[in-house]
Amino acid sequence: MRTRRRILETAIEMFGDMGYESASTRAIARRAAVSLPALQYYFGGKAGLHRACAEYMTADISERLDPAAAQVQAALARSDLSHAELLRLLKQVLDPFLEGMTTDRPESWVLFFTREQSRQTPAFDVIFERIGARLIALCTQIIARILGTPAKDPEVVIRALSIIGQAASIRRGRPLMLRALGWPDFDGKRLHTLKSVLWRQIEASLAPAAP
């Protein structure tokens, strides 16, 4: 298991730094201190390794999101949810994602994601299907109920994407944010403060219109 993890972490670093085409499995195996047959045994080849990197990167957030998503989806079956209850459901589904965005991960993860997103690769498809699509769908359903607007309305989707984007930007801007705040990390009370500020902004953006 440790060998597989070492290969994955090495591959994420090299794919992020060099791109898919330039990072050879032979070079990845050499840097991970394993034989090429060992890499092929675990992943079958370069394409399998690339996909496994995306699955490895999304595992933590997916594990956090799964229970919340199931509870929120069940709660949305009710037709009489109040504004406050819908906001609580939105917070419930966003919290695991935000927590995943604040964890300390190597810069290579950001580089890997940025490359895959810009090129719309199969690895990005994995990331989108496991995290992005599910999160967007849930947020869109909730926001549509809050606004009393069909979920397919472009305004609803844009609002959902904007809210998710606020949380996602923390991953990319983590070093800058920590430097500006003078914080060592986003743990404990610092995470609570971050979540509280972001949540007040989200609540304000979804406040009922004045009569």
N, C-alpha and C. Protein backbone atom coordinates (compact mmCIF):
# COMPACT_ATOMS: atom_id res chain seq x y z
N MET A 1 0.83 -1.20 0.00
CA MET A 1 0.00 0.00 0.00
C MET A 1 0.87 1.26 0.00
N ARG A 2 1.95 1.24 0.80
CA ARG A 2 2.85 2.39 0.85
C ARG A 2 3.53 2.60 -0.50
N THR A 3 3.84 1.48 -1.17
CA THR A 3 4.48 1.60 -2.49
C THR A 3 3.53 2.26 -3.48
N ARG A 4 2.29 1.82 -3.47
CA ARG A 4 1.29 2.41 -4.38
C ARG A 4 1.12 3.90 -4.11
N ARG A 5 1.06 4.25 -2.84
CA ARG A 5 0.90 5.66 -2.48
C ARG A 5 2.12 6.47 -2.90
N ARG A 6 3.29 5.91 -2.73
CA ARG A 6 4.50 6.63 -3.14
C ARG A 6 4.53 6.87 -4.64
N ILE A 7 4.09 5.89 -5.40
CA ILE A 7 4.03 6.07 -6.86
C ILE A 7 3.03 7.16 -7.21
N LEU A 8 1.87 7.15 -6.58
CA LEU A 8 0.85 8.15 -6.87
C LEU A 8 1.34 9.56 -6.55
N GLU A 9 1.94 9.73 -5.39
CA GLU A 9 2.39 11.07 -5.00
C GLU A 9 3.52 11.56 -5.90
N THR A 10 4.37 10.65 -6.32
CA THR A 10 5.43 11.01 -7.26
C THR A 10 4.84 11.37 -8.61
N ALA A 11 3.86 10.60 -9.06
CA ALA A 11 3.24 10.85 -10.36
C ALA A 11 2.49 12.18 -10.37
N ILE A 12 1.78 12.49 -9.29
CA ILE A 12 1.08 13.78 -9.21
C ILE A 12 2.08 14.92 -9.34
N GLU A 13 3.19 14.80 -8.65
CA GLU A 13 4.22 15.83 -8.71
C GLU A 13 4.77 15.98 -10.13
N MET A 14 5.06 14.86 -10.77
CA MET A 14 5.67 14.94 -12.10
C MET A 14 4.66 15.32 -13.18
N PHE A 15 3.44 14.82 -13.10
CA PHE A 15 2.40 15.23 -14.05
C PHE A 15 2.11 16.73 -13.87
N GLY A 16 2.10 17.19 -12.62
CA GLY A 16 1.85 18.60 -12.36
C GLY A 16 2.96 19.48 -12.89
N ASP A 17 4.19 19.07 -12.69
CA ASP A 17 5.34 19.87 -13.12
C ASP A 17 5.56 19.81 -14.63
N MET A 18 5.41 18.62 -15.20
CA MET A 18 5.85 18.40 -16.58
C MET A 18 4.71 18.22 -17.58
N GLY A 19 3.54 17.84 -17.11
CA GLY A 19 2.46 17.52 -18.00
C GLY A 19 2.44 16.04 -18.34
N TYR A 20 1.30 15.58 -18.81
CA TYR A 20 1.12 14.15 -19.07
C TYR A 20 2.09 13.62 -20.11
N GLU A 21 2.24 14.32 -21.20
CA GLU A 21 3.08 13.81 -22.30
C GLU A 21 4.54 13.71 -21.90
N SER A 22 5.04 14.67 -21.12
CA SER A 22 6.47 14.73 -20.82
C SER A 22 6.88 13.83 -19.66
N ALA A 23 5.95 13.48 -18.80
CA ALA A 23 6.29 12.65 -17.63
C ALA A 23 6.14 11.18 -18.01
N SER A 24 7.25 10.49 -18.21
CA SER A 24 7.21 9.08 -18.61
C SER A 24 7.04 8.19 -17.39
N THR A 25 6.45 7.03 -17.60
CA THR A 25 6.31 6.08 -16.50
C THR A 25 7.68 5.59 -16.01
N ARG A 26 8.63 5.51 -16.91
CA ARG A 26 9.97 5.09 -16.51
C ARG A 26 10.59 6.10 -15.55
N ALA A 27 10.42 7.40 -15.86
CA ALA A 27 10.96 8.45 -15.00
C ALA A 27 10.22 8.49 -13.66
N ILE A 28 8.89 8.29 -13.70
CA ILE A 28 8.11 8.26 -12.46
C ILE A 28 8.55 7.10 -11.58
N ALA A 29 8.72 5.94 -12.18
CA ALA A 29 9.16 4.76 -11.43
C ALA A 29 10.53 5.00 -10.81
N ARG A 30 11.42 5.60 -11.58
CA ARG A 30 12.77 5.85 -11.08
C ARG A 30 12.74 6.80 -9.88
N ARG A 31 11.95 7.90 -10.00
CA ARG A 31 11.90 8.86 -8.89
C ARG A 31 11.21 8.26 -7.67
N ALA A 32 10.23 7.38 -7.90
CA ALA A 32 9.52 6.74 -6.79
C ALA A 32 10.29 5.57 -6.20
N ALA A 33 11.44 5.25 -6.82
CA ALA A 33 12.30 4.16 -6.36
C ALA A 33 11.59 2.81 -6.42
N VAL A 34 10.90 2.58 -7.54
CA VAL A 34 10.27 1.28 -7.79
C VAL A 34 10.64 0.86 -9.21
N SER A 35 10.43 -0.41 -9.50
CA SER A 35 10.69 -0.88 -10.85
C SER A 35 9.53 -0.52 -11.76
N LEU A 36 9.80 -0.44 -13.04
CA LEU A 36 8.74 -0.16 -14.01
C LEU A 36 7.67 -1.26 -13.98
N PRO A 37 8.04 -2.55 -13.88
CA PRO A 37 7.01 -3.59 -13.76
C PRO A 37 6.11 -3.41 -12.53
N ALA A 38 6.69 -2.88 -11.44
CA ALA A 38 5.87 -2.65 -10.24
C ALA A 38 4.82 -1.58 -10.52
N LEU A 39 5.21 -0.52 -11.20
CA LEU A 39 4.26 0.53 -11.56
C LEU A 39 3.16 -0.03 -12.45
N GLN A 40 3.57 -0.84 -13.42
CA GLN A 40 2.59 -1.44 -14.33
C GLN A 40 1.67 -2.41 -13.61
N TYR A 41 2.19 -3.08 -12.61
CA TYR A 41 1.39 -4.02 -11.82
C TYR A 41 0.26 -3.29 -11.11
N TYR A 42 0.56 -2.14 -10.51
CA TYR A 42 -0.44 -1.39 -9.76
C TYR A 42 -1.44 -0.65 -10.65
N PHE A 43 -0.94 -0.14 -11.79
CA PHE A 43 -1.76 0.79 -12.56
C PHE A 43 -1.99 0.40 -14.02
N GLY A 44 -1.28 -0.59 -14.50
CA GLY A 44 -1.48 -1.07 -15.87
C GLY A 44 -0.75 -0.28 -16.92
N GLY A 45 -0.49 0.99 -16.66
CA GLY A 45 0.18 1.83 -17.65
C GLY A 45 -0.01 3.29 -17.30
N LYS A 46 0.41 4.14 -18.20
CA LYS A 46 0.39 5.59 -17.94
C LYS A 46 -1.02 6.13 -17.78
N ALA A 47 -1.94 5.72 -18.65
CA ALA A 47 -3.31 6.22 -18.57
C ALA A 47 -3.97 5.79 -17.26
N GLY A 48 -3.74 4.56 -16.85
CA GLY A 48 -4.30 4.07 -15.59
C GLY A 48 -3.73 4.81 -14.39
N LEU A 49 -2.43 5.10 -14.45
CA LEU A 49 -1.78 5.85 -13.38
C LEU A 49 -2.34 7.26 -13.30
N HIS A 50 -2.52 7.87 -14.46
CA HIS A 50 -3.03 9.25 -14.51
C HIS A 50 -4.43 9.32 -13.89
N ARG A 51 -5.28 8.37 -14.25
CA ARG A 51 -6.63 8.34 -13.69
C ARG A 51 -6.57 8.08 -12.18
N ALA A 52 -5.69 7.18 -11.76
CA ALA A 52 -5.57 6.85 -10.34
C ALA A 52 -5.11 8.06 -9.53
N CYS A 53 -4.30 8.93 -10.13
CA CYS A 53 -3.88 10.16 -9.46
C CYS A 53 -5.10 11.03 -9.15
N ALA A 54 -5.99 11.17 -10.11
CA ALA A 54 -7.19 11.97 -9.91
C ALA A 54 -8.08 11.35 -8.83
N GLU A 55 -8.20 10.04 -8.83
CA GLU A 55 -9.01 9.35 -7.82
C GLU A 55 -8.39 9.51 -6.43
N TYR A 56 -7.08 9.45 -6.36
CA TYR A 56 -6.36 9.62 -5.09
C TYR A 56 -6.56 11.04 -4.55
N MET A 57 -6.49 12.03 -5.43
CA MET A 57 -6.63 13.41 -5.03
C MET A 57 -8.04 13.73 -4.54
N THR A 58 -9.04 13.08 -5.08
CA THR A 58 -10.43 13.37 -4.72
C THR A 58 -10.97 12.51 -3.58
N ALA A 59 -10.20 11.50 -3.17
CA ALA A 59 -10.71 10.54 -2.18
C ALA A 59 -11.08 11.22 -0.87
N ASP A 60 -10.24 12.13 -0.39
CA ASP A 60 -10.49 12.76 0.90
C ASP A 60 -11.78 13.58 0.88
N ILE A 61 -11.94 14.43 -0.15
CA ILE A 61 -13.15 15.25 -0.22
C ILE A 61 -14.38 14.39 -0.45
N SER A 62 -14.23 13.35 -1.28
CA SER A 62 -15.36 12.47 -1.55
C SER A 62 -15.84 11.78 -0.28
N GLU A 63 -14.91 11.35 0.56
CA GLU A 63 -15.27 10.70 1.82
C GLU A 63 -15.97 11.67 2.76
N ARG A 64 -15.55 12.94 2.73
CA ARG A 64 -16.20 13.95 3.56
C ARG A 64 -17.59 14.29 3.01
N LEU A 65 -17.68 14.34 1.68
CA LEU A 65 -18.91 14.80 1.03
C LEU A 65 -20.02 13.75 1.03
N ASP A 66 -19.67 12.49 0.89
CA ASP A 66 -20.68 11.43 0.71
C ASP A 66 -21.76 11.42 1.78
N PRO A 67 -21.41 11.40 3.09
CA PRO A 67 -22.48 11.37 4.10
C PRO A 67 -23.36 12.61 4.07
N ALA A 68 -22.73 13.78 3.91
CA ALA A 68 -23.50 15.03 3.87
C ALA A 68 -24.42 15.06 2.66
N ALA A 69 -23.91 14.63 1.52
CA ALA A 69 -24.71 14.63 0.30
C ALA A 69 -25.94 13.74 0.44
N ALA A 70 -25.77 12.57 1.05
CA ALA A 70 -26.89 11.65 1.23
C ALA A 70 -27.96 12.26 2.15
N GLN A 71 -27.51 12.90 3.23
CA GLN A 71 -28.46 13.50 4.16
C GLN A 71 -29.19 14.68 3.53
N VAL A 72 -28.46 15.49 2.79
CA VAL A 72 -29.06 16.66 2.15
C VAL A 72 -30.06 16.24 1.08
N GLN A 73 -29.70 15.25 0.27
CA GLN A 73 -30.59 14.78 -0.78
C GLN A 73 -31.89 14.24 -0.19
N ALA A 74 -31.78 13.53 0.93
CA ALA A 74 -32.98 13.02 1.60
C ALA A 74 -33.84 14.16 2.13
N ALA A 75 -33.20 15.16 2.71
CA ALA A 75 -33.94 16.30 3.27
C ALA A 75 -34.66 17.09 2.18
N LEU A 76 -34.08 17.15 0.99
CA LEU A 76 -34.69 17.92 -0.10
C LEU A 76 -35.98 17.30 -0.63
N ALA A 77 -36.27 16.09 -0.18
CA ALA A 77 -37.53 15.45 -0.58
C ALA A 77 -38.73 16.19 0.03
N ARG A 78 -38.47 16.93 1.11
CA ARG A 78 -39.54 17.71 1.73
C ARG A 78 -39.84 18.93 0.88
N SER A 79 -41.09 19.26 0.77
CA SER A 79 -41.50 20.42 -0.03
C SER A 79 -41.75 21.66 0.81
N ASP A 80 -41.68 21.51 2.14
CA ASP A 80 -42.03 22.62 3.02
C ASP A 80 -40.83 23.21 3.75
N LEU A 81 -39.63 23.07 3.19
CA LEU A 81 -38.43 23.57 3.85
C LEU A 81 -38.43 25.10 3.87
N SER A 82 -38.11 25.66 5.03
CA SER A 82 -38.05 27.11 5.16
C SER A 82 -36.73 27.65 4.59
N HIS A 83 -36.67 28.97 4.45
CA HIS A 83 -35.44 29.61 3.98
C HIS A 83 -34.26 29.23 4.87
N ALA A 84 -34.47 29.30 6.18
CA ALA A 84 -33.40 28.97 7.13
C ALA A 84 -32.98 27.51 7.01
N GLU A 85 -33.93 26.62 6.82
CA GLU A 85 -33.60 25.19 6.68
C GLU A 85 -32.82 24.93 5.40
N LEU A 86 -33.19 25.60 4.32
CA LEU A 86 -32.47 25.43 3.06
C LEU A 86 -31.04 25.96 3.18
N LEU A 87 -30.87 27.06 3.88
CA LEU A 87 -29.52 27.58 4.10
C LEU A 87 -28.69 26.60 4.92
N ARG A 88 -29.30 25.98 5.91
CA ARG A 88 -28.57 24.98 6.71
C ARG A 88 -28.15 23.80 5.85
N LEU A 89 -28.99 23.38 4.92
CA LEU A 89 -28.64 22.28 4.02
C LEU A 89 -27.49 22.69 3.10
N LEU A 90 -27.51 23.92 2.63
CA LEU A 90 -26.43 24.40 1.77
C LEU A 90 -25.12 24.41 2.55
N LYS A 91 -25.15 24.87 3.76
CA LYS A 91 -23.95 24.88 4.60
C LYS A 91 -23.46 23.46 4.86
N GLN A 92 -24.40 22.54 5.06
CA GLN A 92 -24.05 21.16 5.34
C GLN A 92 -23.29 20.52 4.19
N VAL A 93 -23.67 20.87 2.96
CA VAL A 93 -23.01 20.27 1.80
C VAL A 93 -21.73 21.01 1.43
N LEU A 94 -21.64 22.30 1.76
CA LEU A 94 -20.44 23.07 1.43
C LEU A 94 -19.31 22.87 2.45
N ASP A 95 -19.66 22.62 3.69
CA ASP A 95 -18.63 22.49 4.73
C ASP A 95 -17.58 21.42 4.42
N PRO A 96 -17.98 20.20 4.01
CA PRO A 96 -16.95 19.18 3.72
C PRO A 96 -16.04 19.60 2.57
N PHE A 97 -16.60 20.26 1.57
CA PHE A 97 -15.80 20.72 0.43
C PHE A 97 -14.82 21.79 0.89
N LEU A 98 -15.28 22.74 1.68
CA LEU A 98 -14.42 23.81 2.16
C LEU A 98 -13.30 23.24 3.03
N GLU A 99 -13.63 22.30 3.88
CA GLU A 99 -12.61 21.69 4.74
C GLU A 99 -11.56 20.99 3.89
N GLY A 100 -12.00 20.33 2.82
CA GLY A 100 -11.05 19.68 1.93
C GLY A 100 -10.14 20.67 1.23
N MET A 101 -10.68 21.86 0.92
CA MET A 101 -9.89 22.89 0.24
C MET A 101 -8.84 23.53 1.15
N THR A 102 -9.03 23.45 2.47
CA THR A 102 -8.10 24.11 3.39
C THR A 102 -7.02 23.18 3.91
N THR A 103 -7.09 21.90 3.60
CA THR A 103 -6.06 20.97 4.08
C THR A 103 -4.74 21.26 3.41
N ASP A 104 -3.66 20.91 4.10
CA ASP A 104 -2.31 21.19 3.61
C ASP A 104 -1.91 20.12 2.60
N ARG A 105 -1.91 20.49 1.33
CA ARG A 105 -1.50 19.59 0.25
C ARG A 105 -0.35 20.22 -0.53
N PRO A 106 0.49 19.40 -1.16
CA PRO A 106 1.60 19.95 -1.93
C PRO A 106 1.12 20.84 -3.08
N GLU A 107 1.96 21.80 -3.46
CA GLU A 107 1.65 22.68 -4.57
C GLU A 107 1.44 21.88 -5.85
N SER A 108 2.07 20.70 -5.94
CA SER A 108 1.93 19.87 -7.15
C SER A 108 0.47 19.48 -7.39
N TRP A 109 -0.34 19.39 -6.33
CA TRP A 109 -1.75 19.06 -6.50
C TRP A 109 -2.47 20.16 -7.26
N VAL A 110 -2.16 21.41 -6.91
CA VAL A 110 -2.77 22.55 -7.60
C VAL A 110 -2.33 22.56 -9.06
N LEU A 111 -1.04 22.31 -9.31
CA LEU A 111 -0.52 22.29 -10.67
C LEU A 111 -1.17 21.18 -11.49
N PHE A 112 -1.32 20.01 -10.88
CA PHE A 112 -1.95 18.88 -11.56
C PHE A 112 -3.38 19.24 -11.96
N PHE A 113 -4.14 19.76 -11.00
CA PHE A 113 -5.54 20.10 -11.28
C PHE A 113 -5.63 21.18 -12.36
N THR A 114 -4.78 22.19 -12.27
CA THR A 114 -4.82 23.28 -13.23
C THR A 114 -4.54 22.79 -14.64
N ARG A 115 -3.54 21.92 -14.78
CA ARG A 115 -3.23 21.35 -16.10
C ARG A 115 -4.38 20.53 -16.66
N GLU A 116 -4.95 19.68 -15.82
CA GLU A 116 -6.01 18.79 -16.29
C GLU A 116 -7.27 19.57 -16.64
N GLN A 117 -7.57 20.60 -15.84
CA GLN A 117 -8.75 21.41 -16.12
C GLN A 117 -8.59 22.18 -17.42
N SER A 118 -7.41 22.74 -17.65
CA SER A 118 -7.21 23.55 -18.85
C SER A 118 -7.28 22.70 -20.12
N ARG A 119 -6.92 21.41 -20.02
CA ARG A 119 -6.90 20.55 -21.19
C ARG A 119 -8.10 19.61 -21.26
N GLN A 120 -8.96 19.64 -20.21
CA GLN A 120 -10.16 18.80 -20.20
C GLN A 120 -9.82 17.32 -20.44
N THR A 121 -8.91 16.81 -19.65
CA THR A 121 -8.41 15.44 -19.81
C THR A 121 -9.32 14.44 -19.10
N PRO A 122 -9.11 13.14 -19.35
CA PRO A 122 -9.87 12.12 -18.62
C PRO A 122 -9.68 12.22 -17.10
N ALA A 123 -8.50 12.67 -16.66
CA ALA A 123 -8.28 12.85 -15.23
C ALA A 123 -9.18 13.95 -14.68
N PHE A 124 -9.36 15.01 -15.45
CA PHE A 124 -10.27 16.07 -15.02
C PHE A 124 -11.70 15.56 -14.99
N ASP A 125 -12.05 14.68 -15.93
CA ASP A 125 -13.39 14.08 -15.93
C ASP A 125 -13.65 13.37 -14.61
N VAL A 126 -12.64 12.66 -14.11
CA VAL A 126 -12.77 11.95 -12.83
C VAL A 126 -13.03 12.94 -11.70
N ILE A 127 -12.23 14.00 -11.65
CA ILE A 127 -12.38 15.01 -10.61
C ILE A 127 -13.75 15.65 -10.67
N PHE A 128 -14.19 15.96 -11.88
CA PHE A 128 -15.50 16.62 -12.04
C PHE A 128 -16.63 15.69 -11.63
N GLU A 129 -16.57 14.44 -12.07
CA GLU A 129 -17.66 13.50 -11.78
C GLU A 129 -17.75 13.17 -10.29
N ARG A 130 -16.60 13.02 -9.64
CA ARG A 130 -16.60 12.60 -8.25
C ARG A 130 -16.90 13.73 -7.28
N ILE A 131 -16.53 14.95 -7.66
CA ILE A 131 -16.71 16.09 -6.76
C ILE A 131 -17.56 17.19 -7.41
N GLY A 132 -17.07 17.75 -8.51
CA GLY A 132 -17.69 18.93 -9.10
C GLY A 132 -19.15 18.77 -9.46
N ALA A 133 -19.46 17.75 -10.24
CA ALA A 133 -20.83 17.58 -10.72
C ALA A 133 -21.80 17.36 -9.56
N ARG A 134 -21.41 16.57 -8.59
CA ARG A 134 -22.28 16.28 -7.46
C ARG A 134 -22.52 17.53 -6.62
N LEU A 135 -21.44 18.28 -6.38
CA LEU A 135 -21.55 19.48 -5.57
C LEU A 135 -22.40 20.54 -6.27
N ILE A 136 -22.17 20.70 -7.56
CA ILE A 136 -22.95 21.67 -8.34
C ILE A 136 -24.43 21.30 -8.34
N ALA A 137 -24.72 20.03 -8.54
CA ALA A 137 -26.12 19.58 -8.59
C ALA A 137 -26.83 19.84 -7.27
N LEU A 138 -26.19 19.52 -6.16
CA LEU A 138 -26.81 19.73 -4.85
C LEU A 138 -27.01 21.22 -4.56
N CYS A 139 -25.96 22.01 -4.80
CA CYS A 139 -26.06 23.44 -4.53
C CYS A 139 -27.12 24.09 -5.41
N THR A 140 -27.18 23.65 -6.66
CA THR A 140 -28.17 24.21 -7.58
C THR A 140 -29.59 23.89 -7.12
N GLN A 141 -29.82 22.66 -6.67
CA GLN A 141 -31.15 22.31 -6.17
C GLN A 141 -31.56 23.18 -4.99
N ILE A 142 -30.62 23.37 -4.06
CA ILE A 142 -30.94 24.14 -2.87
C ILE A 142 -31.18 25.61 -3.21
N ILE A 143 -30.29 26.18 -4.01
CA ILE A 143 -30.41 27.60 -4.36
C ILE A 143 -31.68 27.85 -5.17
N ALA A 144 -32.03 26.91 -6.02
CA ALA A 144 -33.28 27.05 -6.78
C ALA A 144 -34.48 27.12 -5.84
N ARG A 145 -34.46 26.30 -4.80
CA ARG A 145 -35.56 26.32 -3.83
C ARG A 145 -35.56 27.64 -3.05
N ILE A 146 -34.38 28.12 -2.70
CA ILE A 146 -34.29 29.39 -1.96
C ILE A 146 -34.85 30.54 -2.79
N LEU A 147 -34.51 30.55 -4.07
CA LEU A 147 -34.91 31.66 -4.94
C LEU A 147 -36.30 31.46 -5.54
N GLY A 148 -36.84 30.24 -5.43
CA GLY A 148 -38.12 29.95 -6.06
C GLY A 148 -38.03 29.99 -7.57
N THR A 149 -36.89 29.49 -8.08
CA THR A 149 -36.59 29.54 -9.51
C THR A 149 -36.24 28.13 -9.99
N PRO A 150 -36.55 27.77 -11.24
CA PRO A 150 -36.17 26.45 -11.75
C PRO A 150 -34.65 26.22 -11.66
N ALA A 151 -34.28 24.99 -11.33
CA ALA A 151 -32.86 24.68 -11.14
C ALA A 151 -32.03 24.88 -12.41
N LYS A 152 -32.67 24.82 -13.57
CA LYS A 152 -31.93 24.99 -14.82
C LYS A 152 -31.76 26.45 -15.21
N ASP A 153 -32.35 27.35 -14.46
CA ASP A 153 -32.20 28.78 -14.75
C ASP A 153 -30.71 29.14 -14.67
N PRO A 154 -30.17 29.80 -15.70
CA PRO A 154 -28.74 30.16 -15.68
C PRO A 154 -28.32 30.94 -14.45
N GLU A 155 -29.21 31.79 -13.93
CA GLU A 155 -28.85 32.57 -12.73
C GLU A 155 -28.60 31.65 -11.55
N VAL A 156 -29.40 30.60 -11.42
CA VAL A 156 -29.23 29.65 -10.32
C VAL A 156 -27.90 28.92 -10.45
N VAL A 157 -27.60 28.45 -11.64
CA VAL A 157 -26.35 27.72 -11.86
C VAL A 157 -25.15 28.63 -11.62
N ILE A 158 -25.22 29.86 -12.11
CA ILE A 158 -24.11 30.81 -11.92
C ILE A 158 -23.91 31.12 -10.44
N ARG A 159 -25.00 31.29 -9.72
CA ARG A 159 -24.88 31.53 -8.27
C ARG A 159 -24.21 30.34 -7.58
N ALA A 160 -24.62 29.13 -7.96
CA ALA A 160 -24.02 27.94 -7.36
C ALA A 160 -22.53 27.86 -7.67
N LEU A 161 -22.18 28.11 -8.92
CA LEU A 161 -20.77 28.07 -9.32
C LEU A 161 -19.96 29.15 -8.61
N SER A 162 -20.56 30.31 -8.42
CA SER A 162 -19.86 31.40 -7.73
C SER A 162 -19.58 31.04 -6.28
N ILE A 163 -20.56 30.44 -5.63
CA ILE A 163 -20.38 30.05 -4.23
C ILE A 163 -19.33 28.95 -4.10
N ILE A 164 -19.42 27.95 -4.96
CA ILE A 164 -18.42 26.86 -4.93
C ILE A 164 -17.04 27.42 -5.26
N GLY A 165 -17.00 28.37 -6.20
CA GLY A 165 -15.72 28.97 -6.59
C GLY A 165 -15.04 29.70 -5.44
N GLN A 166 -15.82 30.31 -4.55
CA GLN A 166 -15.23 30.97 -3.38
C GLN A 166 -14.45 29.98 -2.54
N ALA A 167 -15.04 28.81 -2.34
CA ALA A 167 -14.36 27.78 -1.55
C ALA A 167 -13.17 27.19 -2.30
N ALA A 168 -13.34 26.94 -3.60
CA ALA A 168 -12.27 26.34 -4.40
C ALA A 168 -11.06 27.26 -4.48
N SER A 169 -11.30 28.58 -4.47
CA SER A 169 -10.19 29.52 -4.61
C SER A 169 -9.24 29.47 -3.42
N ILE A 170 -9.70 28.94 -2.30
CA ILE A 170 -8.84 28.85 -1.12
C ILE A 170 -7.69 27.89 -1.37
N ARG A 171 -7.96 26.82 -2.13
CA ARG A 171 -6.89 25.87 -2.44
C ARG A 171 -5.78 26.56 -3.24
N ARG A 172 -6.17 27.31 -4.26
CA ARG A 172 -5.17 27.98 -5.09
C ARG A 172 -4.49 29.13 -4.36
N GLY A 173 -5.28 29.84 -3.54
CA GLY A 173 -4.72 31.02 -2.87
C GLY A 173 -4.26 30.78 -1.45
N ARG A 174 -4.14 29.51 -1.05
CA ARG A 174 -3.81 29.18 0.34
C ARG A 174 -2.53 29.86 0.84
N PRO A 175 -1.41 29.78 0.11
CA PRO A 175 -0.19 30.42 0.61
C PRO A 175 -0.35 31.93 0.80
N LEU A 176 -0.99 32.58 -0.16
CA LEU A 176 -1.21 34.03 -0.06
C LEU A 176 -2.10 34.37 1.12
N MET A 177 -3.18 33.63 1.30
CA MET A 177 -4.10 33.91 2.39
C MET A 177 -3.43 33.72 3.75
N LEU A 178 -2.69 32.64 3.90
CA LEU A 178 -2.01 32.38 5.18
C LEU A 178 -0.97 33.46 5.46
N ARG A 179 -0.23 33.87 4.41
CA ARG A 179 0.78 34.92 4.60
C ARG A 179 0.11 36.23 5.02
N ALA A 180 -0.97 36.59 4.33
CA ALA A 180 -1.66 37.85 4.63
C ALA A 180 -2.26 37.84 6.04
N LEU A 181 -2.78 36.68 6.45
CA LEU A 181 -3.42 36.58 7.76
C LEU A 181 -2.41 36.35 8.89
N GLY A 182 -1.18 35.95 8.53
CA GLY A 182 -0.19 35.64 9.55
C GLY A 182 -0.49 34.36 10.28
N TRP A 183 -1.18 33.44 9.58
CA TRP A 183 -1.55 32.16 10.18
C TRP A 183 -0.63 31.05 9.69
N PRO A 184 -0.39 30.02 10.52
CA PRO A 184 0.41 28.89 10.06
C PRO A 184 -0.39 27.88 9.23
N ASP A 185 -1.70 27.84 9.46
CA ASP A 185 -2.55 26.88 8.78
C ASP A 185 -4.01 27.29 8.97
N PHE A 186 -4.93 26.43 8.49
CA PHE A 186 -6.36 26.69 8.66
C PHE A 186 -6.96 25.65 9.61
N ASP A 187 -6.35 25.46 10.74
CA ASP A 187 -6.84 24.48 11.70
C ASP A 187 -7.58 25.15 12.84
N GLY A 188 -8.40 24.36 13.53
CA GLY A 188 -9.04 24.81 14.76
C GLY A 188 -9.84 26.08 14.62
N LYS A 189 -9.57 27.05 15.49
CA LYS A 189 -10.31 28.30 15.51
C LYS A 189 -10.13 29.08 14.21
N ARG A 190 -8.96 28.93 13.58
CA ARG A 190 -8.72 29.66 12.33
C ARG A 190 -9.65 29.16 11.23
N LEU A 191 -9.85 27.85 11.17
CA LEU A 191 -10.80 27.31 10.19
C LEU A 191 -12.21 27.77 10.50
N HIS A 192 -12.56 27.80 11.77
CA HIS A 192 -13.90 28.26 12.16
C HIS A 192 -14.11 29.71 11.72
N THR A 193 -13.09 30.54 11.91
CA THR A 193 -13.20 31.95 11.50
C THR A 193 -13.37 32.07 10.00
N LEU A 194 -12.56 31.32 9.25
CA LEU A 194 -12.65 31.35 7.79
C LEU A 194 -14.04 30.94 7.32
N LYS A 195 -14.54 29.82 7.84
CA LYS A 195 -15.84 29.32 7.45
C LYS A 195 -16.95 30.31 7.82
N SER A 196 -16.81 30.94 8.98
CA SER A 196 -17.82 31.89 9.44
C SER A 196 -17.91 33.10 8.51
N VAL A 197 -16.77 33.63 8.11
CA VAL A 197 -16.76 34.80 7.23
C VAL A 197 -17.33 34.45 5.86
N LEU A 198 -16.88 33.33 5.30
CA LEU A 198 -17.39 32.92 3.99
C LEU A 198 -18.89 32.65 4.05
N TRP A 199 -19.33 32.03 5.12
CA TRP A 199 -20.74 31.69 5.21
C TRP A 199 -21.62 32.94 5.31
N ARG A 200 -21.16 33.96 6.04
CA ARG A 200 -21.94 35.20 6.14
C ARG A 200 -22.06 35.85 4.76
N GLN A 201 -21.01 35.76 3.95
CA GLN A 201 -21.07 36.30 2.60
C GLN A 201 -22.09 35.54 1.75
N ILE A 202 -22.09 34.22 1.89
CA ILE A 202 -23.03 33.39 1.13
C ILE A 202 -24.47 33.68 1.56
N GLU A 203 -24.68 33.75 2.87
CA GLU A 203 -26.03 34.05 3.39
C GLU A 203 -26.52 35.39 2.85
N ALA A 204 -25.64 36.38 2.86
CA ALA A 204 -26.03 37.71 2.38
C ALA A 204 -26.42 37.68 0.90
N SER A 205 -25.70 36.87 0.13
CA SER A 205 -25.99 36.80 -1.32
C SER A 205 -27.31 36.12 -1.61
N LEU A 206 -27.82 35.35 -0.64
CA LEU A 206 -29.07 34.60 -0.83
C LEU A 206 -30.20 35.12 0.06
N ALA A 207 -30.00 36.31 0.63
CA ALA A 207 -31.03 36.88 1.50
C ALA A 207 -32.29 37.20 0.69
N PRO A 208 -33.45 37.05 1.29
CA PRO A 208 -34.69 37.37 0.58
C PRO A 208 -34.70 38.83 0.12
N ALA A 209 -35.25 39.07 -1.02
CA ALA A 209 -35.32 40.44 -1.55
C ALA A 209 -36.22 41.29 -0.65
N ALA A 210 -35.83 42.54 -0.47
CA ALA A 210 -36.64 43.45 0.34
C ALA A 210 -37.99 43.70 -0.34
N PRO A 211 -39.07 43.76 0.43
CA PRO A 211 -40.40 43.98 -0.16
C PRO A 211 -40.51 45.38 -0.77
